[in-house]
Amino acid sequence: MANTDKLPVWGIMILTYRFFWAERRQFWLLAVPAIIVVSMLSALAEWSVARAAAERIDIVIDRTSIEALPVSAMFLTVIAAVASIWAYVSYSIAWHRSYLYPAENVTIGSCYNWGGRQWRFLGTLIKITILFAGATTLIFFGLVLFSGTGVRGISGFGFSSFGPMVMFAMLFAFALIGAVYARLSVWLPAVALDQTLSLGQVWALTRGNGWRLLAIIVLVTIPIGIILIPITVVMNFAAGTAPDYGPLTSGLVQNLMVQFLSYIYIALGISALSVCYARLDENNSG
């Protein structure tokens, strides 16, 4: 059955922040191991690639091909990527369940113990990515047709590809893509609870709330996003201008800071999705 109740945007935002603050110790307990491991592996991989690139740089064309990198550098890069996925999936499930199933005692061991639930969550992430890519392609294809052929208004004048109507259409296209992603994302807390939903059920559950879901996710994560972007820029600059500490140490400090802020960002987004899913599921059941 389609859900017709509207999500209270500000109410869910307040509830999200209250939950995050109340569970801040749990956040530290679960996030710190992932932050440390991923930061160390990422810094090591970046350092290995940078050192290999410096040794193999082509003076004539001033670039390095990926084929020139040693196996060790590529291996470390793959390991860092796998660790990032493992940590993100495991942590996401644990944080969803912290809100949706508070009776469960989530520990570091149970959080990062990979099993069937993690595979299903990763599979759902892949499905969402494919569906999102398909929706994005269709929306932008329509936008290209709109801007390429021109659209005539009531006055009979066509709009150029750089006209205000096309700019408005581009903004609407981006917002529509965001709303599609927000609706699909509600699939994730359901999977974290071991519930099996089809695409149609997810779409029906979120019907009438696409724009509200997008607003909630964006507004909840804007504050940490505002902090994350400039700190990332500053840390990138500092890593390139502080050779006294060595590139590996600078890279580790940079990754620790970025990963820490990223996991706050992730936790807030997951909390918002969990609150939304709980409200939508309750309304749908009622």
Protein backbone atom coordinates (compact mmCIF):
# COMPACT_ATOMS: atom_id res chain seq x y z
CA MET A 1 0.00 0.00 0.00
CA ALA A 2 1.34 3.44 -0.89
CA ASN A 3 2.22 5.75 1.98
CA THR A 4 0.48 9.12 1.78
CA ASP A 5 1.58 10.67 5.10
CA LYS A 6 4.06 13.53 4.81
CA LEU A 7 7.35 13.44 6.67
CA PRO A 8 7.89 16.39 9.06
CA VAL A 9 11.17 17.82 7.78
CA TRP A 10 12.15 19.92 10.79
CA GLY A 11 10.90 17.37 13.29
CA ILE A 12 13.01 14.62 11.74
CA MET A 13 16.05 16.91 11.61
CA ILE A 14 15.73 17.63 15.34
CA LEU A 15 15.23 13.93 16.10
CA THR A 16 18.30 13.05 14.02
CA TYR A 17 20.57 15.44 15.88
CA ARG A 18 19.15 14.39 19.25
CA PHE A 19 19.84 10.74 18.48
CA PHE A 20 23.38 11.45 17.29
CA TRP A 21 24.17 13.46 20.42
CA ALA A 22 22.61 10.88 22.74
CA GLU A 23 24.63 8.09 21.06
CA ARG A 24 27.91 10.03 20.69
CA ARG A 25 29.82 7.47 22.78
CA GLN A 26 28.52 4.70 20.55
CA PHE A 27 29.62 6.74 17.56
CA TRP A 28 33.17 6.93 18.90
CA LEU A 29 33.18 3.24 19.83
CA LEU A 30 32.14 2.05 16.38
CA ALA A 31 33.71 4.71 14.16
CA VAL A 32 37.22 5.05 15.60
CA PRO A 33 38.46 1.57 14.51
CA ALA A 34 37.29 2.23 10.93
CA ILE A 35 38.75 5.74 10.93
CA ILE A 36 42.16 4.53 12.09
CA VAL A 37 42.40 1.47 9.83
CA VAL A 38 41.12 3.20 6.69
CA SER A 39 43.29 6.28 7.33
CA MET A 40 46.45 4.22 7.79
CA LEU A 41 45.85 2.11 4.69
CA SER A 42 44.83 5.12 2.58
CA ALA A 43 47.89 7.11 3.66
CA LEU A 44 50.16 4.16 2.95
CA ALA A 45 48.60 3.61 -0.48
CA GLU A 46 48.82 7.30 -1.40
CA TRP A 47 52.44 7.46 -0.25
CA SER A 48 53.34 4.32 -2.20
CA VAL A 49 51.70 5.61 -5.39
CA ALA A 50 53.29 9.07 -5.01
CA ARG A 51 56.75 7.59 -4.46
CA ALA A 52 56.38 5.24 -7.44
CA ALA A 53 55.12 8.07 -9.62
CA ALA A 54 58.05 10.28 -8.62
CA GLU A 55 60.50 7.54 -9.59
CA ARG A 56 58.87 6.83 -12.95
CA ILE A 57 57.80 10.26 -14.11
CA ASP A 58 58.26 10.86 -17.80
CA ILE A 59 60.21 14.12 -18.13
CA VAL A 60 59.08 14.67 -21.71
CA ILE A 61 55.31 14.45 -21.24
CA ASP A 62 55.30 15.05 -17.47
CA ARG A 63 52.90 12.26 -16.57
CA THR A 64 52.97 8.73 -15.25
CA SER A 65 50.95 5.84 -16.66
CA ILE A 66 49.21 3.44 -14.32
CA GLU A 67 51.06 0.57 -16.00
CA ALA A 68 54.31 1.99 -14.66
CA LEU A 69 53.26 1.61 -11.03
CA PRO A 70 54.78 -1.34 -9.17
CA VAL A 71 52.58 -4.19 -8.03
CA SER A 72 53.04 -3.19 -4.38
CA ALA A 73 51.55 0.29 -4.99
CA MET A 74 48.55 -1.10 -6.87
CA PHE A 75 48.07 -3.81 -4.24
CA LEU A 76 48.03 -1.26 -1.40
CA THR A 77 45.55 0.88 -3.35
CA VAL A 78 43.20 -2.07 -3.80
CA ILE A 79 43.53 -3.04 -0.12
CA ALA A 80 42.71 0.52 0.97
CA ALA A 81 39.65 0.58 -1.31
CA VAL A 82 38.40 -2.78 -0.02
CA ALA A 83 38.93 -1.65 3.58
CA SER A 84 36.95 1.53 2.93
CA ILE A 85 34.01 -0.45 1.51
CA TRP A 86 34.17 -3.01 4.33
CA ALA A 87 34.22 -0.28 6.98
CA TYR A 88 31.45 1.79 5.36
CA VAL A 89 29.07 -1.13 4.89
CA SER A 90 29.69 -2.58 8.35
CA TYR A 91 29.41 0.75 10.12
CA SER A 92 26.28 1.75 8.16
CA ILE A 93 24.46 -1.41 9.18
CA ALA A 94 25.48 -1.05 12.82
CA TRP A 95 24.39 2.59 12.98
CA HIS A 96 21.05 1.88 11.27
CA ARG A 97 20.40 -0.87 13.79
CA SER A 98 21.44 1.38 16.70
CA TYR A 99 18.36 3.49 15.99
CA LEU A 100 15.95 0.95 14.54
CA TYR A 101 16.78 -1.94 16.89
CA PRO A 102 18.09 -0.34 20.11
CA ALA A 103 17.70 -3.54 22.11
CA GLU A 104 20.66 -5.02 20.25
CA ASN A 105 24.03 -4.58 21.94
CA VAL A 106 26.27 -3.61 19.02
CA THR A 107 29.97 -4.11 19.77
CA ILE A 108 33.07 -3.48 17.69
CA GLY A 109 33.32 -7.20 16.98
CA SER A 110 29.71 -7.60 15.88
CA CYS A 111 29.86 -4.36 13.90
CA TYR A 112 32.81 -5.34 11.72
CA ASN A 113 32.13 -9.07 11.48
CA TRP A 114 31.33 -9.58 7.79
CA GLY A 115 28.47 -11.92 6.98
CA GLY A 116 25.33 -12.42 4.94
CA ARG A 117 23.73 -9.20 6.14
CA GLN A 118 26.74 -7.21 4.92
CA TRP A 119 26.67 -8.92 1.52
CA ARG A 120 22.95 -8.10 1.14
CA PHE A 121 23.56 -4.48 2.14
CA LEU A 122 26.43 -4.19 -0.35
CA GLY A 123 24.27 -5.79 -3.04
CA THR A 124 21.52 -3.26 -2.33
CA LEU A 125 24.04 -0.43 -2.58
CA ILE A 126 25.08 -1.74 -5.99
CA LYS A 127 21.44 -1.99 -7.11
CA ILE A 128 20.77 1.57 -5.95
CA THR A 129 23.86 2.77 -7.81
CA ILE A 130 22.74 1.07 -11.04
CA LEU A 131 19.19 2.39 -10.74
CA PHE A 132 20.46 5.85 -9.88
CA ALA A 133 22.82 5.83 -12.87
CA GLY A 134 19.96 4.77 -15.14
CA ALA A 135 17.65 7.49 -13.80
CA THR A 136 20.42 10.08 -14.15
CA THR A 137 21.03 9.06 -17.76
CA LEU A 138 17.33 9.33 -18.65
CA ILE A 139 16.92 12.69 -16.94
CA PHE A 140 19.97 14.20 -18.58
CA PHE A 141 18.99 12.72 -21.94
CA GLY A 142 15.71 14.56 -21.61
CA LEU A 143 17.61 17.70 -20.64
CA VAL A 144 19.81 17.42 -23.73
CA LEU A 145 16.74 17.10 -25.92
CA PHE A 146 15.21 20.08 -24.18
CA SER A 147 18.26 22.31 -24.65
CA GLY A 148 19.13 21.00 -28.11
CA THR A 149 15.77 21.41 -29.80
CA GLY A 150 14.60 24.45 -27.91
CA VAL A 151 11.27 24.79 -26.17
CA ARG A 152 8.71 27.30 -27.35
CA GLY A 153 6.73 29.19 -24.81
CA ILE A 154 3.38 30.86 -25.11
CA SER A 155 4.99 33.84 -26.84
CA GLY A 156 6.35 31.57 -29.56
CA PHE A 157 9.98 32.36 -28.91
CA GLY A 158 12.42 29.47 -28.52
CA PHE A 159 14.87 29.27 -25.61
CA SER A 160 18.56 29.00 -26.43
CA SER A 161 20.73 26.30 -24.88
CA PHE A 162 22.10 28.94 -22.51
CA GLY A 163 18.79 30.65 -21.77
CA PRO A 164 17.17 30.98 -18.36
CA MET A 165 14.67 28.22 -19.00
CA VAL A 166 17.43 25.70 -19.71
CA MET A 167 19.29 26.80 -16.59
CA PHE A 168 16.09 26.27 -14.61
CA ALA A 169 15.67 22.88 -16.26
CA MET A 170 19.21 21.93 -15.25
CA LEU A 171 18.56 22.86 -11.62
CA PHE A 172 15.30 20.93 -11.68
CA ALA A 173 17.09 17.93 -13.21
CA PHE A 174 19.69 17.92 -10.44
CA ALA A 175 16.96 18.21 -7.79
CA LEU A 176 14.96 15.41 -9.44
CA ILE A 177 18.03 13.17 -9.49
CA GLY A 178 18.57 13.92 -5.80
CA ALA A 179 14.96 13.07 -4.99
CA VAL A 180 15.25 9.74 -6.84
CA TYR A 181 18.41 8.89 -4.88
CA ALA A 182 16.77 9.90 -1.59
CA ARG A 183 13.80 7.62 -2.24
CA LEU A 184 16.03 4.69 -3.21
CA SER A 185 18.22 5.22 -0.12
CA VAL A 186 15.32 4.26 2.16
CA TRP A 187 15.97 0.72 0.93
CA LEU A 188 19.14 0.58 3.05
CA PRO A 189 17.69 0.75 6.59
CA ALA A 190 15.20 -1.95 5.61
CA VAL A 191 18.04 -4.24 4.51
CA ALA A 192 19.93 -3.43 7.72
CA LEU A 193 16.93 -4.86 9.58
CA ASP A 194 16.97 -7.98 7.37
CA GLN A 195 13.70 -6.96 5.73
CA THR A 196 13.16 -7.88 2.10
CA LEU A 197 11.63 -5.13 0.00
CA SER A 198 11.25 -4.94 -3.75
CA LEU A 199 11.90 -1.78 -5.74
CA GLY A 200 8.15 -1.33 -6.12
CA GLN A 201 7.61 -1.57 -2.35
CA VAL A 202 10.35 0.98 -1.68
CA TRP A 203 8.88 3.32 -4.27
CA ALA A 204 5.38 2.94 -2.81
CA LEU A 205 6.67 3.44 0.74
CA THR A 206 8.30 6.76 -0.18
CA ARG A 207 5.57 8.02 -2.53
CA GLY A 208 4.73 11.65 -1.87
CA ASN A 209 7.86 12.16 0.21
CA GLY A 210 10.65 12.32 -2.38
CA TRP A 211 11.25 16.06 -2.04
CA ARG A 212 10.93 15.90 1.74
CA LEU A 213 13.46 13.06 1.93
CA LEU A 214 15.87 15.05 -0.21
CA ALA A 215 15.38 18.14 1.97
CA ILE A 216 15.97 16.15 5.16
CA ILE A 217 19.17 14.49 3.92
CA VAL A 218 20.58 17.74 2.53
CA LEU A 219 19.68 19.94 5.50
CA VAL A 220 20.89 17.42 8.08
CA THR A 221 24.30 17.01 6.45
CA ILE A 222 24.90 20.63 5.35
CA PRO A 223 26.57 21.77 8.63
CA ILE A 224 29.22 19.05 8.64
CA GLY A 225 29.61 19.38 4.86
CA ILE A 226 30.41 23.08 5.29
CA ILE A 227 33.13 22.11 7.77
CA LEU A 228 34.41 19.13 5.80
CA ILE A 229 35.09 20.89 2.49
CA PRO A 230 37.38 23.70 3.74
CA ILE A 231 39.22 21.38 6.13
CA THR A 232 39.88 18.97 3.27
CA VAL A 233 41.27 21.81 1.17
CA VAL A 234 43.43 23.09 4.02
CA MET A 235 44.75 19.62 4.84
CA ASN A 236 45.60 18.99 1.18
CA PHE A 237 47.50 22.27 1.10
CA ALA A 238 49.25 21.52 4.40
CA ALA A 239 50.27 18.05 3.22
CA GLY A 240 51.99 19.58 0.22
CA THR A 241 53.73 22.37 2.15
CA ALA A 242 54.94 20.56 5.27
CA PRO A 243 57.72 18.22 4.11
CA ASP A 244 59.49 18.37 7.47
CA TYR A 245 57.17 15.72 8.85
CA GLY A 246 57.47 13.50 5.79
CA PRO A 247 54.81 12.72 3.16
CA LEU A 248 53.62 9.57 4.93
CA THR A 249 53.01 11.34 8.25
CA SER A 250 51.34 14.30 6.56
CA GLY A 251 49.13 11.95 4.58
CA LEU A 252 48.14 10.06 7.74
CA VAL A 253 47.18 13.24 9.60
CA GLN A 254 45.21 14.42 6.58
CA ASN A 255 43.36 11.13 6.22
CA LEU A 256 42.58 10.93 9.94
CA MET A 257 40.98 14.37 9.90
CA VAL A 258 39.01 13.77 6.70
CA GLN A 259 37.85 10.30 7.78
CA PHE A 260 36.75 11.59 11.18
CA LEU A 261 34.59 14.31 9.64
CA SER A 262 33.39 11.93 6.92
CA TYR A 263 32.11 9.45 9.51
CA ILE A 264 30.21 12.20 11.31
CA TYR A 265 28.72 13.07 7.93
CA ILE A 266 27.87 9.40 7.30
CA ALA A 267 26.39 8.93 10.79
CA LEU A 268 24.10 11.94 10.40
CA GLY A 269 22.91 10.78 6.98
CA ILE A 270 22.29 7.25 8.23
CA SER A 271 20.47 8.56 11.30
CA ALA A 272 18.19 10.69 9.13
CA LEU A 273 17.42 7.73 6.84
CA SER A 274 16.71 5.51 9.86
CA VAL A 275 14.32 8.06 11.36
CA CYS A 276 12.58 8.51 8.01
CA TYR A 277 12.27 4.77 7.43
CA ALA A 278 10.87 4.18 10.93
CA ARG A 279 8.28 6.92 10.40
CA LEU A 280 7.32 5.74 6.91
CA ASP A 281 7.09 2.10 7.99
CA GLU A 282 4.94 3.05 10.98
CA ASN A 283 2.63 5.15 8.82
CA ASN A 284 2.42 2.41 6.19
CA SER A 285 1.62 -0.26 8.79
CA GLY A 286 -0.98 1.95 10.38
